[in-house]
Amino acid sequence: TSRGALDLTDDAESAELVLQLGILQRRRGAYDSAEASFTRARAIVEGAPGGPHAVLPRVLQQLASISIYRGDVVEAERRAAEAVAVLTREFGEHDRLTVTALRYLGAVQWRRGEYAQAEATIRRAIELRPLAAGSTRQEMFNDRTQLAELLVTMDRSGEAEQIFLDVQRELRRDAPDEVNFLVWSLGS
């Protein structure tokens, strides 16, 4: 069977190459080609021996991003929710990639205007993040920053400010050098 210009074997390395091709196509605005590449990468990684590979969550999120670029936030939410479901099934709820996909789902729900649902989804990611092995401080900061930004959108600036103050307090306690970056990033 022909696979176009790329003659690849069905393994995770091939899926990574096809994923990168899709990202380049997406950046060029060739969304149909990108979607075809992402779909192919997903088929490769799901068919690879040894079960799902870490490429899978990135492929699923790229498929959701194609829907966003096309302005189809309903489809983007469906794909983002599918990514969370697949990752939860394959890697578990406490996996770092699953938690990140959950936060991404919250962002898509926010974009759809489903503020209450987005808030619940992002709060769930925040709750799970400390339990996810390998999660970084930056990811925890990103989770809470996203929630704070959503709360501002919902006219709940007081709650958002409290989240930023809590983060600042934690940074000052754990890593004082990062406080200056936080203050700068908030425009203070």
N, C-alpha and C. Protein backbone atom coordinates (compact mmCIF):
# COMPACT_ATOMS: atom_id res chain seq x y z
N THR A 1 0.85 -1.19 0.00
CA THR A 1 0.00 0.00 0.00
C THR A 1 0.87 1.23 0.00
N SER A 2 0.40 2.27 -0.63
CA SER A 2 1.16 3.51 -0.72
C SER A 2 0.88 4.40 0.48
N ARG A 3 1.92 4.99 0.98
CA ARG A 3 1.79 5.93 2.09
C ARG A 3 2.25 7.32 1.66
N GLY A 4 2.28 7.55 0.38
CA GLY A 4 2.73 8.85 -0.09
C GLY A 4 4.23 8.89 -0.12
N ALA A 5 4.79 10.07 0.15
CA ALA A 5 6.23 10.28 0.06
C ALA A 5 6.99 9.58 1.17
N LEU A 6 6.33 9.33 2.30
CA LEU A 6 7.02 8.69 3.41
C LEU A 6 6.75 7.20 3.40
N ASP A 7 7.81 6.39 3.26
CA ASP A 7 7.67 4.94 3.32
C ASP A 7 8.17 4.50 4.68
N LEU A 8 7.24 4.28 5.59
CA LEU A 8 7.60 4.04 6.98
C LEU A 8 7.08 2.70 7.47
N THR A 9 7.77 2.17 8.47
CA THR A 9 7.27 0.98 9.13
C THR A 9 6.31 1.42 10.23
N ASP A 10 5.45 0.52 10.65
CA ASP A 10 4.45 0.86 11.68
C ASP A 10 5.06 0.73 13.07
N ASP A 11 5.66 1.80 13.55
CA ASP A 11 6.16 1.81 14.92
C ASP A 11 6.09 3.23 15.46
N ALA A 12 6.39 3.38 16.73
CA ALA A 12 6.26 4.68 17.39
C ALA A 12 7.17 5.74 16.79
N GLU A 13 8.36 5.33 16.33
CA GLU A 13 9.27 6.30 15.71
C GLU A 13 8.65 6.85 14.43
N SER A 14 8.03 5.98 13.66
CA SER A 14 7.35 6.42 12.44
C SER A 14 6.20 7.36 12.78
N ALA A 15 5.46 7.04 13.84
CA ALA A 15 4.35 7.90 14.26
C ALA A 15 4.87 9.29 14.59
N GLU A 16 6.02 9.37 15.25
CA GLU A 16 6.62 10.66 15.59
C GLU A 16 6.95 11.45 14.33
N LEU A 17 7.51 10.78 13.33
CA LEU A 17 7.84 11.46 12.08
C LEU A 17 6.59 11.98 11.37
N VAL A 18 5.55 11.15 11.33
CA VAL A 18 4.30 11.56 10.68
C VAL A 18 3.64 12.70 11.48
N LEU A 19 3.72 12.64 12.81
CA LEU A 19 3.21 13.72 13.65
C LEU A 19 3.93 15.03 13.32
N GLN A 20 5.26 14.99 13.23
CA GLN A 20 6.03 16.20 12.92
C GLN A 20 5.68 16.74 11.54
N LEU A 21 5.46 15.85 10.57
CA LEU A 21 5.02 16.27 9.24
C LEU A 21 3.69 17.00 9.35
N GLY A 22 2.77 16.44 10.12
CA GLY A 22 1.47 17.07 10.30
C GLY A 22 1.58 18.45 10.95
N ILE A 23 2.47 18.58 11.90
CA ILE A 23 2.66 19.88 12.55
C ILE A 23 3.16 20.91 11.54
N LEU A 24 4.09 20.51 10.68
CA LEU A 24 4.57 21.42 9.63
C LEU A 24 3.44 21.79 8.67
N GLN A 25 2.63 20.81 8.31
CA GLN A 25 1.49 21.08 7.42
C GLN A 25 0.50 22.03 8.08
N ARG A 26 0.25 21.81 9.35
CA ARG A 26 -0.67 22.69 10.08
C ARG A 26 -0.14 24.12 10.12
N ARG A 27 1.14 24.25 10.38
CA ARG A 27 1.75 25.59 10.43
C ARG A 27 1.66 26.30 9.08
N ARG A 28 1.67 25.55 8.00
CA ARG A 28 1.51 26.13 6.66
C ARG A 28 0.06 26.43 6.34
N GLY A 29 -0.86 25.98 7.19
CA GLY A 29 -2.28 26.20 6.95
C GLY A 29 -2.91 25.11 6.09
N ALA A 30 -2.18 24.03 5.85
CA ALA A 30 -2.70 22.91 5.06
C ALA A 30 -3.41 21.94 6.01
N TYR A 31 -4.59 22.36 6.47
CA TYR A 31 -5.28 21.62 7.54
C TYR A 31 -5.74 20.23 7.11
N ASP A 32 -6.18 20.07 5.87
CA ASP A 32 -6.60 18.75 5.42
C ASP A 32 -5.43 17.77 5.42
N SER A 33 -4.30 18.22 4.89
CA SER A 33 -3.10 17.37 4.88
C SER A 33 -2.63 17.08 6.30
N ALA A 34 -2.66 18.11 7.16
CA ALA A 34 -2.25 17.92 8.56
C ALA A 34 -3.16 16.91 9.25
N GLU A 35 -4.45 17.06 9.05
CA GLU A 35 -5.38 16.13 9.68
C GLU A 35 -5.13 14.70 9.21
N ALA A 36 -4.87 14.54 7.92
CA ALA A 36 -4.57 13.20 7.38
C ALA A 36 -3.29 12.65 8.02
N SER A 37 -2.29 13.50 8.21
CA SER A 37 -1.05 13.05 8.85
C SER A 37 -1.29 12.66 10.29
N PHE A 38 -2.05 13.47 11.02
CA PHE A 38 -2.33 13.16 12.42
C PHE A 38 -3.13 11.87 12.54
N THR A 39 -4.09 11.68 11.65
CA THR A 39 -4.89 10.46 11.66
C THR A 39 -4.01 9.25 11.38
N ARG A 40 -3.07 9.39 10.44
CA ARG A 40 -2.13 8.30 10.12
C ARG A 40 -1.22 8.02 11.32
N ALA A 41 -0.72 9.08 11.95
CA ALA A 41 0.15 8.89 13.12
C ALA A 41 -0.59 8.16 14.22
N ARG A 42 -1.86 8.50 14.40
CA ARG A 42 -2.65 7.83 15.42
C ARG A 42 -2.80 6.34 15.10
N ALA A 43 -3.08 6.02 13.84
CA ALA A 43 -3.22 4.62 13.44
C ALA A 43 -1.91 3.87 13.66
N ILE A 44 -0.79 4.50 13.35
CA ILE A 44 0.50 3.85 13.55
C ILE A 44 0.73 3.56 15.02
N VAL A 45 0.55 4.58 15.87
CA VAL A 45 0.88 4.41 17.29
C VAL A 45 -0.08 3.45 17.97
N GLU A 46 -1.35 3.46 17.56
CA GLU A 46 -2.30 2.53 18.17
C GLU A 46 -2.08 1.11 17.72
N GLY A 47 -1.43 0.93 16.55
CA GLY A 47 -1.14 -0.41 16.05
C GLY A 47 0.24 -0.91 16.41
N ALA A 48 1.04 -0.06 17.07
CA ALA A 48 2.41 -0.43 17.40
C ALA A 48 2.44 -1.52 18.45
N PRO A 49 3.39 -2.45 18.33
CA PRO A 49 3.51 -3.49 19.36
C PRO A 49 3.88 -2.87 20.70
N GLY A 50 3.39 -3.47 21.76
CA GLY A 50 3.72 -2.99 23.09
C GLY A 50 2.74 -1.96 23.62
N GLY A 51 1.65 -1.76 22.91
CA GLY A 51 0.62 -0.84 23.41
C GLY A 51 0.91 0.60 23.07
N PRO A 52 0.10 1.49 23.58
CA PRO A 52 0.19 2.91 23.25
C PRO A 52 1.54 3.50 23.64
N HIS A 53 1.96 4.46 22.89
CA HIS A 53 3.22 5.13 23.09
C HIS A 53 2.95 6.57 23.49
N ALA A 54 3.92 7.23 24.05
CA ALA A 54 3.75 8.61 24.51
C ALA A 54 3.44 9.59 23.37
N VAL A 55 3.59 9.16 22.12
CA VAL A 55 3.24 10.03 20.98
C VAL A 55 1.72 10.23 20.93
N LEU A 56 0.97 9.25 21.41
CA LEU A 56 -0.49 9.27 21.29
C LEU A 56 -1.13 10.55 21.81
N PRO A 57 -0.80 11.02 23.03
CA PRO A 57 -1.48 12.23 23.50
C PRO A 57 -1.20 13.44 22.63
N ARG A 58 0.01 13.53 22.10
CA ARG A 58 0.33 14.67 21.24
C ARG A 58 -0.45 14.60 19.93
N VAL A 59 -0.61 13.40 19.42
CA VAL A 59 -1.40 13.23 18.19
C VAL A 59 -2.85 13.64 18.44
N LEU A 60 -3.41 13.17 19.54
CA LEU A 60 -4.81 13.48 19.85
C LEU A 60 -5.02 14.98 20.04
N GLN A 61 -4.09 15.64 20.70
CA GLN A 61 -4.22 17.08 20.90
C GLN A 61 -4.06 17.84 19.58
N GLN A 62 -3.22 17.35 18.70
CA GLN A 62 -3.08 17.99 17.39
C GLN A 62 -4.37 17.85 16.58
N LEU A 63 -5.02 16.71 16.69
CA LEU A 63 -6.31 16.54 16.00
C LEU A 63 -7.34 17.54 16.54
N ALA A 64 -7.35 17.73 17.85
CA ALA A 64 -8.26 18.73 18.43
C ALA A 64 -7.89 20.13 17.96
N SER A 65 -6.60 20.40 17.86
CA SER A 65 -6.17 21.74 17.43
C SER A 65 -6.61 22.04 16.00
N ILE A 66 -6.63 21.03 15.15
CA ILE A 66 -7.09 21.23 13.76
C ILE A 66 -8.53 21.72 13.77
N SER A 67 -9.34 21.14 14.62
CA SER A 67 -10.74 21.58 14.72
C SER A 67 -10.82 23.03 15.19
N ILE A 68 -9.96 23.41 16.11
CA ILE A 68 -9.96 24.80 16.58
C ILE A 68 -9.56 25.73 15.44
N TYR A 69 -8.53 25.37 14.71
CA TYR A 69 -8.09 26.22 13.58
C TYR A 69 -9.19 26.37 12.54
N ARG A 70 -10.00 25.35 12.41
CA ARG A 70 -11.12 25.42 11.46
C ARG A 70 -12.33 26.13 12.04
N GLY A 71 -12.27 26.50 13.31
CA GLY A 71 -13.37 27.19 13.94
C GLY A 71 -14.48 26.28 14.41
N ASP A 72 -14.22 24.98 14.47
CA ASP A 72 -15.22 24.00 14.89
C ASP A 72 -14.94 23.59 16.34
N VAL A 73 -15.35 24.45 17.28
CA VAL A 73 -15.04 24.18 18.68
C VAL A 73 -15.83 22.99 19.23
N VAL A 74 -16.96 22.68 18.61
CA VAL A 74 -17.72 21.49 19.04
C VAL A 74 -16.90 20.23 18.76
N GLU A 75 -16.36 20.14 17.55
CA GLU A 75 -15.52 19.00 17.19
C GLU A 75 -14.23 19.00 18.00
N ALA A 76 -13.68 20.18 18.25
CA ALA A 76 -12.46 20.27 19.06
C ALA A 76 -12.73 19.72 20.46
N GLU A 77 -13.87 20.07 21.03
CA GLU A 77 -14.19 19.55 22.36
C GLU A 77 -14.38 18.04 22.34
N ARG A 78 -15.03 17.54 21.30
CA ARG A 78 -15.21 16.09 21.18
C ARG A 78 -13.86 15.39 21.12
N ARG A 79 -12.96 15.93 20.30
CA ARG A 79 -11.63 15.31 20.16
C ARG A 79 -10.81 15.45 21.43
N ALA A 80 -10.89 16.59 22.10
CA ALA A 80 -10.14 16.78 23.35
C ALA A 80 -10.67 15.83 24.43
N ALA A 81 -11.99 15.66 24.48
CA ALA A 81 -12.58 14.72 25.44
C ALA A 81 -12.17 13.28 25.12
N GLU A 82 -12.09 12.97 23.83
CA GLU A 82 -11.62 11.64 23.42
C GLU A 82 -10.18 11.43 23.87
N ALA A 83 -9.36 12.46 23.73
CA ALA A 83 -7.96 12.35 24.16
C ALA A 83 -7.90 12.04 25.65
N VAL A 84 -8.69 12.74 26.45
CA VAL A 84 -8.71 12.49 27.89
C VAL A 84 -9.17 11.06 28.17
N ALA A 85 -10.21 10.61 27.48
CA ALA A 85 -10.73 9.26 27.71
C ALA A 85 -9.69 8.19 27.34
N VAL A 86 -9.04 8.36 26.19
CA VAL A 86 -8.04 7.39 25.75
C VAL A 86 -6.86 7.37 26.71
N LEU A 87 -6.39 8.55 27.08
CA LEU A 87 -5.25 8.62 27.98
C LEU A 87 -5.58 8.06 29.36
N THR A 88 -6.78 8.33 29.85
CA THR A 88 -7.19 7.79 31.14
C THR A 88 -7.22 6.26 31.08
N ARG A 89 -7.77 5.74 29.99
CA ARG A 89 -7.85 4.28 29.83
C ARG A 89 -6.45 3.65 29.69
N GLU A 90 -5.59 4.28 28.88
CA GLU A 90 -4.30 3.67 28.57
C GLU A 90 -3.21 3.94 29.61
N PHE A 91 -3.23 5.14 30.21
CA PHE A 91 -2.14 5.52 31.10
C PHE A 91 -2.60 5.80 32.53
N GLY A 92 -3.91 5.95 32.74
CA GLY A 92 -4.43 6.20 34.08
C GLY A 92 -4.69 7.67 34.33
N GLU A 93 -5.58 7.93 35.28
CA GLU A 93 -6.00 9.29 35.61
C GLU A 93 -4.86 10.12 36.22
N HIS A 94 -3.91 9.44 36.86
CA HIS A 94 -2.83 10.15 37.54
C HIS A 94 -1.58 10.27 36.68
N ASP A 95 -1.69 10.06 35.39
CA ASP A 95 -0.56 10.23 34.50
C ASP A 95 -0.42 11.71 34.13
N ARG A 96 0.80 12.17 34.05
CA ARG A 96 1.08 13.57 33.73
C ARG A 96 0.44 13.99 32.40
N LEU A 97 0.52 13.13 31.39
CA LEU A 97 -0.04 13.46 30.08
C LEU A 97 -1.56 13.53 30.14
N THR A 98 -2.17 12.67 30.93
CA THR A 98 -3.62 12.69 31.08
C THR A 98 -4.07 14.00 31.73
N VAL A 99 -3.35 14.42 32.75
CA VAL A 99 -3.70 15.66 33.45
C VAL A 99 -3.55 16.86 32.51
N THR A 100 -2.48 16.87 31.73
CA THR A 100 -2.28 17.96 30.77
C THR A 100 -3.39 17.98 29.73
N ALA A 101 -3.80 16.81 29.26
CA ALA A 101 -4.90 16.73 28.30
C ALA A 101 -6.21 17.22 28.93
N LEU A 102 -6.38 16.96 30.21
CA LEU A 102 -7.57 17.43 30.92
C LEU A 102 -7.59 18.96 30.95
N ARG A 103 -6.43 19.56 31.23
CA ARG A 103 -6.36 21.03 31.23
C ARG A 103 -6.65 21.57 29.83
N TYR A 104 -6.16 20.89 28.81
CA TYR A 104 -6.43 21.31 27.43
C TYR A 104 -7.93 21.22 27.14
N LEU A 105 -8.58 20.17 27.60
CA LEU A 105 -10.03 20.05 27.43
C LEU A 105 -10.73 21.23 28.08
N GLY A 106 -10.28 21.61 29.28
CA GLY A 106 -10.85 22.78 29.95
C GLY A 106 -10.70 24.04 29.11
N ALA A 107 -9.55 24.18 28.45
CA ALA A 107 -9.33 25.36 27.59
C ALA A 107 -10.29 25.36 26.41
N VAL A 108 -10.56 24.19 25.84
CA VAL A 108 -11.49 24.10 24.72
C VAL A 108 -12.91 24.40 25.19
N GLN A 109 -13.28 23.88 26.35
CA GLN A 109 -14.61 24.18 26.90
C GLN A 109 -14.77 25.67 27.15
N TRP A 110 -13.73 26.30 27.64
CA TRP A 110 -13.72 27.75 27.86
C TRP A 110 -13.95 28.46 26.55
N ARG A 111 -13.24 28.04 25.52
CA ARG A 111 -13.38 28.65 24.19
C ARG A 111 -14.80 28.52 23.65
N ARG A 112 -15.46 27.42 24.02
CA ARG A 112 -16.86 27.21 23.61
C ARG A 112 -17.83 28.05 24.42
N GLY A 113 -17.35 28.68 25.48
CA GLY A 113 -18.22 29.46 26.34
C GLY A 113 -18.88 28.66 27.43
N GLU A 114 -18.40 27.45 27.64
CA GLU A 114 -18.92 26.57 28.70
C GLU A 114 -18.11 26.80 29.97
N TYR A 115 -18.29 27.99 30.55
CA TYR A 115 -17.42 28.41 31.64
C TYR A 115 -17.48 27.51 32.87
N ALA A 116 -18.68 27.14 33.30
CA ALA A 116 -18.80 26.31 34.50
C ALA A 116 -18.15 24.95 34.28
N GLN A 117 -18.38 24.37 33.11
CA GLN A 117 -17.78 23.07 32.81
C GLN A 117 -16.26 23.21 32.71
N ALA A 118 -15.79 24.28 32.07
CA ALA A 118 -14.35 24.52 31.94
C ALA A 118 -13.72 24.66 33.33
N GLU A 119 -14.38 25.41 34.21
CA GLU A 119 -13.85 25.59 35.56
C GLU A 119 -13.73 24.25 36.27
N ALA A 120 -14.77 23.41 36.18
CA ALA A 120 -14.73 22.11 36.84
C ALA A 120 -13.61 21.23 36.26
N THR A 121 -13.42 21.28 34.96
CA THR A 121 -12.39 20.47 34.30
C THR A 121 -11.00 20.93 34.72
N ILE A 122 -10.78 22.23 34.71
CA ILE A 122 -9.47 22.76 35.08
C ILE A 122 -9.19 22.51 36.56
N ARG A 123 -10.21 22.67 37.40
CA ARG A 123 -10.01 22.38 38.83
C ARG A 123 -9.66 20.91 39.05
N ARG A 124 -10.24 20.02 38.26
CA ARG A 124 -9.92 18.59 38.36
C ARG A 124 -8.45 18.36 37.97
N ALA A 125 -7.98 19.05 36.93
CA ALA A 125 -6.57 18.93 36.54
C ALA A 125 -5.66 19.42 37.67
N ILE A 126 -6.04 20.52 38.30
CA ILE A 126 -5.26 21.06 39.42
C ILE A 126 -5.21 20.06 40.57
N GLU A 127 -6.34 19.42 40.83
CA GLU A 127 -6.43 18.43 41.90
C GLU A 127 -5.55 17.21 41.61
N LEU A 128 -5.52 16.78 40.35
CA LEU A 128 -4.77 15.58 39.98
C LEU A 128 -3.28 15.84 39.79
N ARG A 129 -2.90 17.06 39.44
CA ARG A 129 -1.51 17.35 39.08
C ARG A 129 -0.50 16.89 40.13
N PRO A 130 -0.70 17.18 41.42
CA PRO A 130 0.32 16.74 42.40
C PRO A 130 0.47 15.23 42.48
N LEU A 131 -0.54 14.49 42.03
CA LEU A 131 -0.50 13.03 42.07
C LEU A 131 0.12 12.44 40.81
N ALA A 132 0.36 13.28 39.81
CA ALA A 132 0.88 12.82 38.52
C ALA A 132 2.40 12.84 38.55
N ALA A 133 2.99 11.66 38.54
CA ALA A 133 4.45 11.55 38.59
C ALA A 133 5.08 12.30 37.42
N GLY A 134 6.14 13.02 37.73
CA GLY A 134 6.87 13.73 36.70
C GLY A 134 6.34 15.12 36.38
N SER A 135 5.23 15.51 37.00
CA SER A 135 4.70 16.85 36.75
C SER A 135 5.69 17.89 37.27
N THR A 136 5.76 18.99 36.55
CA THR A 136 6.70 20.04 36.92
C THR A 136 5.99 21.18 37.64
N ARG A 137 6.78 21.99 38.30
CA ARG A 137 6.24 23.18 38.94
C ARG A 137 5.61 24.09 37.90
N GLN A 138 6.23 24.16 36.71
CA GLN A 138 5.69 25.00 35.65
C GLN A 138 4.31 24.52 35.22
N GLU A 139 4.11 23.22 35.14
CA GLU A 139 2.79 22.69 34.78
C GLU A 139 1.76 23.04 35.85
N MET A 140 2.16 22.93 37.11
CA MET A 140 1.24 23.30 38.19
C MET A 140 0.90 24.79 38.12
N PHE A 141 1.91 25.60 37.82
CA PHE A 141 1.68 27.03 37.66
C PHE A 141 0.75 27.29 36.48
N ASN A 142 0.98 26.60 35.36
CA ASN A 142 0.15 26.77 34.17
C ASN A 142 -1.31 26.39 34.44
N ASP A 143 -1.51 25.30 35.17
CA ASP A 143 -2.88 24.88 35.52
C ASP A 143 -3.60 26.00 36.27
N ARG A 144 -2.95 26.52 37.28
CA ARG A 144 -3.59 27.53 38.11
C ARG A 144 -3.71 28.87 37.39
N THR A 145 -2.76 29.19 36.56
CA THR A 145 -2.85 30.42 35.77
C THR A 145 -4.04 30.35 34.82
N GLN A 146 -4.24 29.19 34.19
CA GLN A 146 -5.38 29.03 33.29
C GLN A 146 -6.68 29.21 34.06
N LEU A 147 -6.76 28.63 35.26
CA LEU A 147 -7.97 28.80 36.07
C LEU A 147 -8.18 30.27 36.41
N ALA A 148 -7.13 30.94 36.82
CA ALA A 148 -7.25 32.36 37.18
C ALA A 148 -7.73 33.18 35.99
N GLU A 149 -7.18 32.91 34.81
CA GLU A 149 -7.60 33.66 33.62
C GLU A 149 -9.06 33.39 33.28
N LEU A 150 -9.50 32.14 33.46
CA LEU A 150 -10.91 31.81 33.25
C LEU A 150 -11.78 32.57 34.24
N LEU A 151 -11.37 32.61 35.50
CA LEU A 151 -12.15 33.30 36.53
C LEU A 151 -12.27 34.80 36.21
N VAL A 152 -11.23 35.40 35.65
CA VAL A 152 -11.32 36.80 35.22
C VAL A 152 -12.39 36.93 34.15
N THR A 153 -12.40 36.00 33.20
CA THR A 153 -13.42 36.00 32.14
C THR A 153 -14.82 35.90 32.73
N MET A 154 -14.94 35.19 33.84
CA MET A 154 -16.23 34.98 34.50
C MET A 154 -16.57 36.10 35.49
N ASP A 155 -15.81 37.20 35.44
CA ASP A 155 -16.01 38.33 36.35
C ASP A 155 -15.82 37.93 37.81
N ARG A 156 -14.85 37.08 38.06
CA ARG A 156 -14.51 36.64 39.41
C ARG A 156 -13.05 36.98 39.68
N SER A 157 -12.71 38.25 39.46
CA SER A 157 -11.32 38.71 39.56
C SER A 157 -10.75 38.55 40.95
N GLY A 158 -11.57 38.68 41.99
CA GLY A 158 -11.09 38.50 43.35
C GLY A 158 -10.52 37.11 43.57
N GLU A 159 -11.23 36.09 43.07
CA GLU A 159 -10.74 34.71 43.19
C GLU A 159 -9.47 34.52 42.38
N ALA A 160 -9.44 35.12 41.18
CA ALA A 160 -8.26 35.01 40.32
C ALA A 160 -7.05 35.62 41.00
N GLU A 161 -7.24 36.78 41.60
CA GLU A 161 -6.14 37.44 42.29
C GLU A 161 -5.62 36.58 43.43
N GLN A 162 -6.53 35.93 44.15
CA GLN A 162 -6.12 35.07 45.26
C GLN A 162 -5.26 33.91 44.76
N ILE A 163 -5.62 33.35 43.61
CA ILE A 163 -4.81 32.26 43.04
C ILE A 163 -3.41 32.76 42.74
N PHE A 164 -3.29 33.93 42.10
CA PHE A 164 -1.98 34.48 41.80
C PHE A 164 -1.18 34.76 43.08
N LEU A 165 -1.84 35.27 44.11
CA LEU A 165 -1.15 35.54 45.37
C LEU A 165 -0.67 34.25 46.02
N ASP A 166 -1.49 33.20 45.95
CA ASP A 166 -1.09 31.90 46.51
C ASP A 166 0.13 31.35 45.78
N VAL A 167 0.12 31.46 44.45
CA VAL A 167 1.26 30.99 43.66
C VAL A 167 2.50 31.80 44.03
N GLN A 168 2.34 33.11 44.13
CA GLN A 168 3.47 33.96 44.48
C GLN A 168 4.04 33.58 45.84
N ARG A 169 3.16 33.32 46.80
CA ARG A 169 3.59 32.93 48.15
C ARG A 169 4.36 31.60 48.10
N GLU A 170 3.87 30.65 47.33
CA GLU A 170 4.56 29.36 47.20
C GLU A 170 5.92 29.53 46.55
N LEU A 171 5.98 30.36 45.53
CA LEU A 171 7.26 30.58 44.86
C LEU A 171 8.25 31.25 45.80
N ARG A 172 7.80 32.21 46.56
CA ARG A 172 8.68 32.91 47.49
C ARG A 172 9.24 31.93 48.53
N ARG A 173 8.40 31.01 48.97
CA ARG A 173 8.82 30.03 49.98
C ARG A 173 9.78 29.00 49.38
N ASP A 174 9.42 28.49 48.17
CA ASP A 174 10.18 27.37 47.60
C ASP A 174 11.34 27.79 46.71
N ALA A 175 11.17 28.90 46.00
CA ALA A 175 12.20 29.32 45.04
C ALA A 175 12.15 30.83 44.88
N PRO A 176 12.76 31.56 45.80
CA PRO A 176 12.64 33.02 45.79
C PRO A 176 13.04 33.67 44.47
N ASP A 177 13.97 33.08 43.73
CA ASP A 177 14.39 33.68 42.46
C ASP A 177 13.27 33.71 41.44
N GLU A 178 12.29 32.81 41.58
CA GLU A 178 11.20 32.76 40.61
C GLU A 178 10.15 33.82 40.87
N VAL A 179 10.17 34.44 42.04
CA VAL A 179 9.14 35.44 42.37
C VAL A 179 9.25 36.64 41.44
N ASN A 180 10.47 37.08 41.15
CA ASN A 180 10.64 38.22 40.26
C ASN A 180 10.06 37.92 38.89
N PHE A 181 10.25 36.69 38.39
CA PHE A 181 9.67 36.33 37.11
C PHE A 181 8.15 36.36 37.18
N LEU A 182 7.59 35.85 38.26
CA LEU A 182 6.13 35.84 38.41
C LEU A 182 5.58 37.25 38.41
N VAL A 183 6.20 38.11 39.19
CA VAL A 183 5.73 39.51 39.26
C VAL A 183 5.83 40.15 37.89
N TRP A 184 6.95 39.92 37.20
CA TRP A 184 7.11 40.48 35.86
C TRP A 184 6.04 39.93 34.90
N SER A 185 5.78 38.62 34.98
CA SER A 185 4.83 37.99 34.04
C SER A 185 3.40 38.48 34.28
N LEU A 186 3.11 38.92 35.50
CA LEU A 186 1.77 39.43 35.79
C LEU A 186 1.64 40.92 35.47
N GLY A 187 2.75 41.51 35.03
CA GLY A 187 2.71 42.91 34.64
C GLY A 187 2.73 43.87 35.81
N SER A 188 3.20 43.43 36.98
CA SER A 188 3.24 44.29 38.17
C SER A 188 4.48 45.15 38.15
